[in-house]
């Protein structure tokens, strides 16, 4: 049995999926690999990432705004209002980000409110299973 064969973590009922531009293909591949574990969860995602997940999988994602246009803030609000159990954010560690302050704010809220947080494929896979 592989990790992707397991059922989702029962402590996770809602999850947000975010990926920087250079990480979107990795996020989509990860979602496809873990589609059965994600099925049945309330899934939020920022703009393009959410659109691609909706188009390329059988999952339903509630699309928020693009990260730089307020999507990161929308996810932060979900965390602050205790409406989000987990955040998976595939961050591109090699690119300068014009909206870096938004990313830092989102990560700060996830840490402050003790929200499950994964920033790469390995930690995301452990979290969801």
C-alpha atoms as a PDB file:
ATOM      1  CA  UNK A   1       0.000   0.000   0.000  1.00  0.00           C
ATOM      2  CA  UNK A   2       1.304   3.444  -0.876  1.00  0.00           C
ATOM      3  CA  UNK A   3       0.557   6.696   0.885  1.00  0.00           C
ATOM      4  CA  UNK A   4      -1.807   7.667  -1.904  1.00  0.00           C
ATOM      5  CA  UNK A   5      -3.895   4.530  -1.218  1.00  0.00           C
ATOM      6  CA  UNK A   6      -4.670   5.640   2.339  1.00  0.00           C
ATOM      7  CA  UNK A   7      -7.737   7.587   3.384  1.00  0.00           C
ATOM      8  CA  UNK A   8      -7.401  11.267   4.146  1.00  0.00           C
ATOM      9  CA  UNK A   9      -6.371  12.461   7.582  1.00  0.00           C
ATOM     10  CA  UNK A  10      -9.656  12.501   9.577  1.00  0.00           C
ATOM     11  CA  UNK A  11      -8.625  15.767  11.265  1.00  0.00           C
ATOM     12  CA  UNK A  12      -8.768  17.564   7.935  1.00  0.00           C
ATOM     13  CA  UNK A  13     -12.203  18.573   6.676  1.00  0.00           C
ATOM     14  CA  UNK A  14     -11.181  21.696   4.753  1.00  0.00           C
ATOM     15  CA  UNK A  15      -7.959  22.475   2.916  1.00  0.00           C
ATOM     16  CA  UNK A  16      -6.500  25.263   0.799  1.00  0.00           C
ATOM     17  CA  UNK A  17      -4.185  24.562  -2.114  1.00  0.00           C
ATOM     18  CA  UNK A  18      -1.863  27.291  -3.361  1.00  0.00           C
ATOM     19  CA  UNK A  19       1.041  27.129  -5.801  1.00  0.00           C
ATOM     20  CA  UNK A  20       3.353  29.737  -7.204  1.00  0.00           C
ATOM     21  CA  UNK A  21       3.501  29.892 -11.006  1.00  0.00           C
ATOM     22  CA  UNK A  22       6.611  27.713 -11.355  1.00  0.00           C
ATOM     23  CA  UNK A  23       5.085  25.144  -8.954  1.00  0.00           C
ATOM     24  CA  UNK A  24       1.610  24.756 -10.483  1.00  0.00           C
ATOM     25  CA  UNK A  25       2.506  21.673 -12.530  1.00  0.00           C
ATOM     26  CA  UNK A  26       3.887  20.003  -9.381  1.00  0.00           C
ATOM     27  CA  UNK A  27       0.716  20.893  -7.481  1.00  0.00           C
ATOM     28  CA  UNK A  28      -1.518  19.440 -10.197  1.00  0.00           C
ATOM     29  CA  UNK A  29       0.549  16.236 -10.309  1.00  0.00           C
ATOM     30  CA  UNK A  30       0.397  16.003  -6.497  1.00  0.00           C
ATOM     31  CA  UNK A  31      -3.386  16.541  -6.480  1.00  0.00           C
ATOM     32  CA  UNK A  32      -3.874  13.844  -9.123  1.00  0.00           C
ATOM     33  CA  UNK A  33      -1.740  11.435  -7.093  1.00  0.00           C
ATOM     34  CA  UNK A  34      -3.808  12.128  -3.948  1.00  0.00           C
ATOM     35  CA  UNK A  35      -7.204  12.692  -5.560  1.00  0.00           C
ATOM     36  CA  UNK A  36      -8.903   9.900  -3.604  1.00  0.00           C
ATOM     37  CA  UNK A  37      -7.617  11.285  -0.290  1.00  0.00           C
ATOM     38  CA  UNK A  38      -8.788  14.797  -1.201  1.00  0.00           C
ATOM     39  CA  UNK A  39     -12.222  13.665  -2.399  1.00  0.00           C
ATOM     40  CA  UNK A  40     -14.900  14.679   0.096  1.00  0.00           C
ATOM     41  CA  UNK A  41     -12.894  17.545   1.604  1.00  0.00           C
ATOM     42  CA  UNK A  42     -13.909  21.188   1.275  1.00  0.00           C
ATOM     43  CA  UNK A  43     -11.149  22.435  -1.031  1.00  0.00           C
ATOM     44  CA  UNK A  44     -10.237  26.061  -1.599  1.00  0.00           C
ATOM     45  CA  UNK A  45      -7.595  27.227  -4.055  1.00  0.00           C
ATOM     46  CA  UNK A  46      -6.339  30.478  -5.452  1.00  0.00           C
ATOM     47  CA  UNK A  47      -7.200  31.523  -9.033  1.00  0.00           C
ATOM     48  CA  UNK A  48      -5.273  29.600 -11.649  1.00  0.00           C
ATOM     49  CA  UNK A  49      -4.435  26.697  -9.357  1.00  0.00           C
ATOM     50  CA  UNK A  50      -8.118  26.203  -8.551  1.00  0.00           C
ATOM     51  CA  UNK A  51      -9.117  26.445 -12.187  1.00  0.00           C
ATOM     52  CA  UNK A  52      -6.584  23.843 -13.223  1.00  0.00           C
ATOM     53  CA  UNK A  53      -7.632  21.461 -10.441  1.00  0.00           C
ATOM     54  CA  UNK A  54     -11.276  21.839 -11.482  1.00  0.00           C
ATOM     55  CA  UNK A  55     -10.380  21.271 -15.154  1.00  0.00           C
ATOM     56  CA  UNK A  56      -7.881  18.430 -14.714  1.00  0.00           C
ATOM     57  CA  UNK A  57      -9.403  16.340 -11.910  1.00  0.00           C
ATOM     58  CA  UNK A  58     -12.800  15.163 -10.697  1.00  0.00           C
ATOM     59  CA  UNK A  59     -12.511  17.309  -7.572  1.00  0.00           C
ATOM     60  CA  UNK A  60     -14.587  20.409  -6.940  1.00  0.00           C
ATOM     61  CA  UNK A  61     -12.569  23.388  -5.763  1.00  0.00           C
ATOM     62  CA  UNK A  62     -13.929  26.694  -4.544  1.00  0.00           C
ATOM     63  CA  UNK A  63     -11.811  29.154  -6.493  1.00  0.00           C
ATOM     64  CA  UNK A  64     -10.703  32.293  -4.751  1.00  0.00           C
ATOM     65  CA  UNK A  65      -8.970  35.288  -6.293  1.00  0.00           C
ATOM     66  CA  UNK A  66      -5.443  35.015  -7.615  1.00  0.00           C
ATOM     67  CA  UNK A  67      -2.921  35.171  -4.764  1.00  0.00           C
ATOM     68  CA  UNK A  68      -1.557  38.648  -5.563  1.00  0.00           C
ATOM     69  CA  UNK A  69      -5.088  39.979  -6.169  1.00  0.00           C
ATOM     70  CA  UNK A  70      -6.369  39.002  -2.723  1.00  0.00           C
ATOM     71  CA  UNK A  71      -6.516  35.197  -2.779  1.00  0.00           C
ATOM     72  CA  UNK A  72      -3.783  34.866  -0.168  1.00  0.00           C
ATOM     73  CA  UNK A  73      -5.735  37.289   2.037  1.00  0.00           C
ATOM     74  CA  UNK A  74      -8.947  35.309   1.503  1.00  0.00           C
ATOM     75  CA  UNK A  75      -7.215  32.142   2.683  1.00  0.00           C
ATOM     76  CA  UNK A  76      -5.766  34.062   5.618  1.00  0.00           C
ATOM     77  CA  UNK A  77      -9.288  35.128   6.566  1.00  0.00           C
ATOM     78  CA  UNK A  78     -10.477  31.501   6.425  1.00  0.00           C
ATOM     79  CA  UNK A  79      -7.668  30.604   8.826  1.00  0.00           C
ATOM     80  CA  UNK A  80      -8.395  33.504  11.186  1.00  0.00           C
ATOM     81  CA  UNK A  81     -12.103  32.609  11.253  1.00  0.00           C
ATOM     82  CA  UNK A  82     -11.282  28.952  12.034  1.00  0.00           C
ATOM     83  CA  UNK A  83     -12.771  27.773   8.730  1.00  0.00           C
ATOM     84  CA  UNK A  84      -9.665  26.040   7.399  1.00  0.00           C
ATOM     85  CA  UNK A  85      -7.950  22.937   8.769  1.00  0.00           C
ATOM     86  CA  UNK A  86      -4.912  22.764   6.497  1.00  0.00           C
ATOM     87  CA  UNK A  87      -2.898  24.745   3.970  1.00  0.00           C
ATOM     88  CA  UNK A  88      -0.692  23.286   1.270  1.00  0.00           C
ATOM     89  CA  UNK A  89       1.383  26.005  -0.355  1.00  0.00           C
ATOM     90  CA  UNK A  90       3.928  24.946  -2.955  1.00  0.00           C
ATOM     91  CA  UNK A  91       6.297  27.902  -2.754  1.00  0.00           C
ATOM     92  CA  UNK A  92       8.850  28.565  -5.466  1.00  0.00           C
ATOM     93  CA  UNK A  93      12.067  29.020  -3.459  1.00  0.00           C
ATOM     94  CA  UNK A  94      14.069  30.289  -6.446  1.00  0.00           C
ATOM     95  CA  UNK A  95      11.912  33.150  -7.732  1.00  0.00           C
ATOM     96  CA  UNK A  96      11.561  36.661  -6.399  1.00  0.00           C
ATOM     97  CA  UNK A  97       7.917  37.372  -5.669  1.00  0.00           C
ATOM     98  CA  UNK A  98       6.437  40.847  -6.073  1.00  0.00           C
ATOM     99  CA  UNK A  99       3.710  39.949  -3.549  1.00  0.00           C
ATOM    100  CA  UNK A 100       6.115  38.443  -1.007  1.00  0.00           C
ATOM    101  CA  UNK A 101       4.490  40.439   1.803  1.00  0.00           C
ATOM    102  CA  UNK A 102       1.155  38.660   1.100  1.00  0.00           C
ATOM    103  CA  UNK A 103       2.836  35.257   1.196  1.00  0.00           C
ATOM    104  CA  UNK A 104       4.543  36.068   4.492  1.00  0.00           C
ATOM    105  CA  UNK A 105       1.256  37.279   5.961  1.00  0.00           C
ATOM    106  CA  UNK A 106      -0.507  34.049   4.970  1.00  0.00           C
ATOM    107  CA  UNK A 107       2.258  31.887   6.409  1.00  0.00           C
ATOM    108  CA  UNK A 108       2.299  33.972   9.599  1.00  0.00           C
ATOM    109  CA  UNK A 109      -1.459  33.412  10.072  1.00  0.00           C
ATOM    110  CA  UNK A 110      -1.094  29.674   9.485  1.00  0.00           C
ATOM    111  CA  UNK A 111       1.607  29.533  12.139  1.00  0.00           C
ATOM    112  CA  UNK A 112      -0.227  31.838  14.569  1.00  0.00           C
ATOM    113  CA  UNK A 113      -3.449  29.813  14.408  1.00  0.00           C
ATOM    114  CA  UNK A 114      -1.613  26.469  14.460  1.00  0.00           C
ATOM    115  CA  UNK A 115      -3.013  25.444  11.074  1.00  0.00           C
ATOM    116  CA  UNK A 116      -1.555  22.346   9.459  1.00  0.00           C
ATOM    117  CA  UNK A 117       0.927  23.663   6.899  1.00  0.00           C
ATOM    118  CA  UNK A 118       2.884  21.956   4.140  1.00  0.00           C
ATOM    119  CA  UNK A 119       5.180  23.746   1.723  1.00  0.00           C
ATOM    120  CA  UNK A 120       6.433  20.904  -0.473  1.00  0.00           C
ATOM    121  CA  UNK A 121       5.311  17.555  -1.884  1.00  0.00           C
ATOM    122  CA  UNK A 122       6.843  15.442   0.870  1.00  0.00           C
ATOM    123  CA  UNK A 123       5.222  17.329   3.748  1.00  0.00           C
ATOM    124  CA  UNK A 124       1.909  17.599   1.878  1.00  0.00           C
ATOM    125  CA  UNK A 125       1.804  13.841   1.313  1.00  0.00           C
ATOM    126  CA  UNK A 126       2.482  13.102   4.985  1.00  0.00           C
ATOM    127  CA  UNK A 127      -0.147  15.644   6.071  1.00  0.00           C
ATOM    128  CA  UNK A 128      -2.972  14.348   3.893  1.00  0.00           C
ATOM    129  CA  UNK A 129      -2.454  10.690   4.820  1.00  0.00           C
END
